[in-house]
Amino acid sequence: YNTKAMIFDSTRAEAFVQVGLYFYERAEWKKAIPFFQAASVLKKPDHGFNSDSSYTWLPLDYLSICLDRIGDYYSSINTVMKIMPISPEKPRLKKNLQWLIDQL
């Protein structure tokens, strides 16, 4: 994986999401979590190209799945609840939320 973009500009959520996805796609949930967490707190820059979803719901969506995969259902539920109002994936999130509740 390439972290040069994060080193060059650590204010860009897109770079953190991409590195998180590298680990996510390899089912390395614990390694992916810090990158999605970092992306989720970055503010969208006023200049340059940026992906709206990387600064709103996308990193939290992946984070919730990673937390689920490591068995941290409470944190996953809390994360899903944060993104529910802003995500275009509401039907899937509702199903995920019900599944998570059933795991408790």
N, C-alpha and C. Protein backbone atom coordinates (compact mmCIF):
# COMPACT_ATOMS: atom_id res chain seq x y z
N TYR A 1 0.84 -1.18 0.00
CA TYR A 1 0.00 0.00 0.00
C TYR A 1 0.88 1.23 0.00
N ASN A 2 0.32 2.29 -0.46
CA ASN A 2 1.09 3.51 -0.65
C ASN A 2 0.57 4.61 0.27
N THR A 3 1.42 5.05 1.16
CA THR A 3 1.02 6.10 2.11
C THR A 3 1.58 7.46 1.72
N LYS A 4 2.17 7.58 0.56
CA LYS A 4 2.78 8.85 0.15
C LYS A 4 1.77 10.00 0.13
N ALA A 5 0.55 9.73 -0.28
CA ALA A 5 -0.46 10.79 -0.33
C ALA A 5 -0.76 11.32 1.07
N MET A 6 -0.79 10.43 2.05
CA MET A 6 -1.05 10.87 3.43
C MET A 6 0.12 11.69 3.95
N ILE A 7 1.32 11.32 3.59
CA ILE A 7 2.51 12.06 4.03
C ILE A 7 2.54 13.43 3.36
N PHE A 8 2.19 13.47 2.08
CA PHE A 8 2.20 14.71 1.33
C PHE A 8 1.16 15.69 1.86
N ASP A 9 -0.05 15.19 2.13
CA ASP A 9 -1.12 16.04 2.64
C ASP A 9 -2.01 15.22 3.57
N SER A 10 -1.75 15.31 4.85
CA SER A 10 -2.47 14.50 5.83
C SER A 10 -3.87 15.04 6.14
N THR A 11 -4.30 16.06 5.41
CA THR A 11 -5.63 16.60 5.62
C THR A 11 -6.65 16.02 4.65
N ARG A 12 -6.24 15.12 3.79
CA ARG A 12 -7.11 14.57 2.75
C ARG A 12 -7.66 13.20 3.15
N ALA A 13 -8.95 13.15 3.38
CA ALA A 13 -9.60 11.90 3.79
C ALA A 13 -9.49 10.83 2.70
N GLU A 14 -9.47 11.25 1.46
CA GLU A 14 -9.41 10.27 0.37
C GLU A 14 -8.22 9.32 0.52
N ALA A 15 -7.07 9.86 0.91
CA ALA A 15 -5.87 9.02 1.07
C ALA A 15 -6.05 8.02 2.20
N PHE A 16 -6.62 8.46 3.31
CA PHE A 16 -6.85 7.56 4.44
C PHE A 16 -7.85 6.47 4.06
N VAL A 17 -8.89 6.84 3.33
CA VAL A 17 -9.88 5.86 2.89
C VAL A 17 -9.22 4.81 1.99
N GLN A 18 -8.38 5.25 1.08
CA GLN A 18 -7.74 4.31 0.17
C GLN A 18 -6.84 3.32 0.90
N VAL A 19 -6.08 3.79 1.87
CA VAL A 19 -5.23 2.87 2.64
C VAL A 19 -6.11 1.96 3.48
N GLY A 20 -7.17 2.50 4.06
CA GLY A 20 -8.11 1.65 4.80
C GLY A 20 -8.70 0.57 3.92
N LEU A 21 -9.04 0.93 2.69
CA LEU A 21 -9.59 -0.05 1.75
C LEU A 21 -8.59 -1.13 1.39
N TYR A 22 -7.32 -0.78 1.35
CA TYR A 22 -6.28 -1.78 1.09
C TYR A 22 -6.37 -2.90 2.13
N PHE A 23 -6.46 -2.52 3.39
CA PHE A 23 -6.55 -3.52 4.46
C PHE A 23 -7.93 -4.18 4.50
N TYR A 24 -8.96 -3.40 4.25
CA TYR A 24 -10.33 -3.91 4.25
C TYR A 24 -10.48 -5.05 3.24
N GLU A 25 -9.98 -4.82 2.04
CA GLU A 25 -10.10 -5.83 0.98
C GLU A 25 -9.31 -7.09 1.29
N ARG A 26 -8.39 -7.02 2.22
CA ARG A 26 -7.60 -8.19 2.64
C ARG A 26 -8.12 -8.76 3.95
N ALA A 27 -9.26 -8.27 4.40
CA ALA A 27 -9.88 -8.69 5.66
C ALA A 27 -8.96 -8.48 6.85
N GLU A 28 -8.14 -7.44 6.79
CA GLU A 28 -7.27 -7.06 7.90
C GLU A 28 -7.96 -5.91 8.64
N TRP A 29 -9.03 -6.28 9.34
CA TRP A 29 -9.94 -5.31 9.95
C TRP A 29 -9.24 -4.38 10.93
N LYS A 30 -8.44 -4.95 11.81
CA LYS A 30 -7.78 -4.12 12.84
C LYS A 30 -6.80 -3.13 12.22
N LYS A 31 -6.21 -3.47 11.11
CA LYS A 31 -5.30 -2.55 10.43
C LYS A 31 -6.07 -1.46 9.69
N ALA A 32 -7.25 -1.78 9.21
CA ALA A 32 -8.05 -0.82 8.45
C ALA A 32 -8.69 0.23 9.36
N ILE A 33 -9.05 -0.17 10.57
CA ILE A 33 -9.80 0.71 11.48
C ILE A 33 -9.16 2.08 11.68
N PRO A 34 -7.87 2.19 12.02
CA PRO A 34 -7.33 3.53 12.27
C PRO A 34 -7.40 4.46 11.06
N PHE A 35 -7.33 3.91 9.87
CA PHE A 35 -7.38 4.75 8.67
C PHE A 35 -8.79 5.28 8.43
N PHE A 36 -9.80 4.43 8.64
CA PHE A 36 -11.18 4.90 8.51
C PHE A 36 -11.53 5.88 9.63
N GLN A 37 -11.02 5.63 10.84
CA GLN A 37 -11.25 6.57 11.94
C GLN A 37 -10.63 7.93 11.62
N ALA A 38 -9.42 7.93 11.12
CA ALA A 38 -8.75 9.19 10.78
C ALA A 38 -9.52 9.93 9.69
N ALA A 39 -9.93 9.23 8.66
CA ALA A 39 -10.68 9.87 7.57
C ALA A 39 -11.99 10.46 8.07
N SER A 40 -12.61 9.81 9.04
CA SER A 40 -13.93 10.24 9.49
C SER A 40 -13.92 11.55 10.27
N VAL A 41 -12.77 11.99 10.73
CA VAL A 41 -12.72 13.24 11.51
C VAL A 41 -12.12 14.41 10.74
N LEU A 42 -11.68 14.17 9.53
CA LEU A 42 -11.08 15.25 8.73
C LEU A 42 -12.17 16.13 8.12
N LYS A 43 -11.90 17.41 8.09
CA LYS A 43 -12.82 18.38 7.50
C LYS A 43 -12.55 18.49 6.00
N LYS A 44 -13.63 18.62 5.25
CA LYS A 44 -13.52 18.75 3.80
C LYS A 44 -12.79 20.04 3.45
N PRO A 45 -11.73 19.97 2.64
CA PRO A 45 -10.98 21.17 2.27
C PRO A 45 -11.81 22.10 1.37
N ASP A 46 -11.47 23.35 1.42
CA ASP A 46 -12.15 24.35 0.60
C ASP A 46 -11.60 24.42 -0.83
N HIS A 47 -10.48 23.77 -1.06
CA HIS A 47 -9.82 23.88 -2.36
C HIS A 47 -9.47 22.49 -2.90
N GLY A 48 -9.26 22.45 -4.20
CA GLY A 48 -8.84 21.21 -4.86
C GLY A 48 -9.96 20.21 -5.01
N PHE A 49 -9.61 19.12 -5.67
CA PHE A 49 -10.56 18.03 -5.87
C PHE A 49 -10.80 17.32 -4.54
N ASN A 50 -12.05 17.00 -4.26
CA ASN A 50 -12.33 16.17 -3.10
C ASN A 50 -13.61 15.38 -3.31
N SER A 51 -13.64 14.25 -2.67
CA SER A 51 -14.78 13.35 -2.75
C SER A 51 -15.67 13.59 -1.54
N ASP A 52 -16.88 14.10 -1.76
CA ASP A 52 -17.78 14.39 -0.64
C ASP A 52 -17.96 13.19 0.28
N SER A 53 -18.12 12.01 -0.29
CA SER A 53 -18.40 10.82 0.52
C SER A 53 -17.23 10.49 1.46
N SER A 54 -16.02 10.83 1.07
CA SER A 54 -14.86 10.55 1.92
C SER A 54 -14.83 11.42 3.17
N TYR A 55 -15.58 12.50 3.16
CA TYR A 55 -15.62 13.42 4.29
C TYR A 55 -16.94 13.32 5.06
N THR A 56 -17.80 12.42 4.64
CA THR A 56 -19.09 12.29 5.32
C THR A 56 -19.31 10.84 5.76
N TRP A 57 -20.04 10.08 4.97
CA TRP A 57 -20.51 8.77 5.40
C TRP A 57 -19.58 7.61 5.07
N LEU A 58 -18.79 7.69 4.01
CA LEU A 58 -18.03 6.53 3.52
C LEU A 58 -17.05 5.93 4.53
N PRO A 59 -16.16 6.72 5.14
CA PRO A 59 -15.22 6.09 6.09
C PRO A 59 -15.94 5.48 7.29
N LEU A 60 -17.02 6.12 7.72
CA LEU A 60 -17.77 5.58 8.85
C LEU A 60 -18.49 4.28 8.48
N ASP A 61 -18.94 4.19 7.26
CA ASP A 61 -19.59 2.97 6.79
C ASP A 61 -18.60 1.80 6.84
N TYR A 62 -17.43 2.01 6.27
CA TYR A 62 -16.40 0.95 6.31
C TYR A 62 -15.95 0.68 7.74
N LEU A 63 -15.84 1.72 8.54
CA LEU A 63 -15.46 1.54 9.94
C LEU A 63 -16.46 0.66 10.67
N SER A 64 -17.74 0.89 10.45
CA SER A 64 -18.76 0.09 11.14
C SER A 64 -18.63 -1.39 10.76
N ILE A 65 -18.32 -1.66 9.52
CA ILE A 65 -18.16 -3.05 9.08
C ILE A 65 -16.93 -3.67 9.72
N CYS A 66 -15.83 -2.93 9.76
CA CYS A 66 -14.61 -3.44 10.40
C CYS A 66 -14.84 -3.73 11.88
N LEU A 67 -15.53 -2.83 12.56
CA LEU A 67 -15.82 -3.03 13.98
C LEU A 67 -16.69 -4.27 14.19
N ASP A 68 -17.64 -4.47 13.31
CA ASP A 68 -18.47 -5.67 13.36
C ASP A 68 -17.61 -6.92 13.20
N ARG A 69 -16.72 -6.89 12.24
CA ARG A 69 -15.89 -8.07 11.94
C ARG A 69 -14.97 -8.47 13.09
N ILE A 70 -14.60 -7.49 13.92
CA ILE A 70 -13.75 -7.84 15.07
C ILE A 70 -14.59 -8.11 16.32
N GLY A 71 -15.91 -8.06 16.17
CA GLY A 71 -16.81 -8.38 17.27
C GLY A 71 -17.14 -7.23 18.20
N ASP A 72 -16.81 -6.02 17.81
CA ASP A 72 -17.13 -4.85 18.63
C ASP A 72 -18.48 -4.30 18.17
N TYR A 73 -19.53 -5.03 18.51
CA TYR A 73 -20.87 -4.71 18.01
C TYR A 73 -21.40 -3.38 18.54
N TYR A 74 -21.12 -3.05 19.78
CA TYR A 74 -21.60 -1.78 20.33
C TYR A 74 -21.00 -0.59 19.57
N SER A 75 -19.70 -0.63 19.33
CA SER A 75 -19.07 0.47 18.58
C SER A 75 -19.58 0.51 17.15
N SER A 76 -19.81 -0.66 16.57
CA SER A 76 -20.34 -0.71 15.21
C SER A 76 -21.74 -0.09 15.16
N ILE A 77 -22.58 -0.43 16.13
CA ILE A 77 -23.93 0.14 16.19
C ILE A 77 -23.85 1.66 16.34
N ASN A 78 -23.00 2.13 17.22
CA ASN A 78 -22.85 3.59 17.41
C ASN A 78 -22.40 4.27 16.13
N THR A 79 -21.52 3.63 15.41
CA THR A 79 -21.04 4.20 14.15
C THR A 79 -22.14 4.23 13.11
N VAL A 80 -22.91 3.16 13.02
CA VAL A 80 -24.04 3.13 12.07
C VAL A 80 -25.03 4.24 12.42
N MET A 81 -25.28 4.45 13.69
CA MET A 81 -26.23 5.49 14.10
C MET A 81 -25.73 6.88 13.73
N LYS A 82 -24.42 7.09 13.73
CA LYS A 82 -23.86 8.39 13.32
C LYS A 82 -24.09 8.66 11.85
N ILE A 83 -23.98 7.62 11.04
CA ILE A 83 -24.07 7.85 9.59
C ILE A 83 -25.47 7.70 9.03
N MET A 84 -26.38 7.13 9.78
CA MET A 84 -27.73 6.91 9.28
C MET A 84 -28.35 8.19 8.69
N PRO A 85 -28.25 9.34 9.35
CA PRO A 85 -28.89 10.55 8.79
C PRO A 85 -28.22 11.07 7.50
N ILE A 86 -26.98 10.71 7.24
CA ILE A 86 -26.27 11.32 6.11
C ILE A 86 -25.93 10.35 4.99
N SER A 87 -26.20 9.07 5.17
CA SER A 87 -25.80 8.08 4.19
C SER A 87 -26.88 7.82 3.14
N PRO A 88 -26.46 7.63 1.89
CA PRO A 88 -27.42 7.23 0.86
C PRO A 88 -27.73 5.73 0.94
N GLU A 89 -27.07 5.03 1.83
CA GLU A 89 -27.21 3.57 1.95
C GLU A 89 -28.16 3.17 3.08
N LYS A 90 -29.19 3.96 3.32
CA LYS A 90 -30.08 3.72 4.46
C LYS A 90 -30.70 2.32 4.50
N PRO A 91 -31.22 1.77 3.40
CA PRO A 91 -31.81 0.42 3.48
C PRO A 91 -30.79 -0.64 3.93
N ARG A 92 -29.59 -0.58 3.40
CA ARG A 92 -28.55 -1.53 3.79
C ARG A 92 -28.15 -1.31 5.25
N LEU A 93 -28.02 -0.04 5.64
CA LEU A 93 -27.64 0.26 7.02
C LEU A 93 -28.69 -0.23 8.01
N LYS A 94 -29.96 -0.12 7.66
CA LYS A 94 -31.02 -0.62 8.54
C LYS A 94 -30.90 -2.13 8.72
N LYS A 95 -30.62 -2.83 7.64
CA LYS A 95 -30.42 -4.29 7.73
C LYS A 95 -29.19 -4.61 8.57
N ASN A 96 -28.11 -3.86 8.34
CA ASN A 96 -26.89 -4.08 9.12
C ASN A 96 -27.15 -3.83 10.60
N LEU A 97 -27.89 -2.77 10.90
CA LEU A 97 -28.19 -2.42 12.27
C LEU A 97 -28.98 -3.54 12.96
N GLN A 98 -29.97 -4.07 12.27
CA GLN A 98 -30.75 -5.17 12.84
C GLN A 98 -29.86 -6.38 13.09
N TRP A 99 -28.98 -6.67 12.14
CA TRP A 99 -28.06 -7.81 12.31
C TRP A 99 -27.16 -7.59 13.52
N LEU A 100 -26.64 -6.38 13.66
CA LEU A 100 -25.76 -6.07 14.78
C LEU A 100 -26.49 -6.22 16.12
N ILE A 101 -27.71 -5.74 16.17
CA ILE A 101 -28.49 -5.86 17.41
C ILE A 101 -28.71 -7.33 17.74
N ASP A 102 -28.96 -8.14 16.74
CA ASP A 102 -29.16 -9.57 16.95
C ASP A 102 -27.91 -10.26 17.50
N GLN A 103 -26.74 -9.66 17.27
CA GLN A 103 -25.49 -10.26 17.75
C GLN A 103 -25.26 -10.03 19.24
N LEU A 104 -25.97 -9.07 19.81
CA LEU A 104 -25.76 -8.73 21.23
C LEU A 104 -26.34 -9.78 22.16
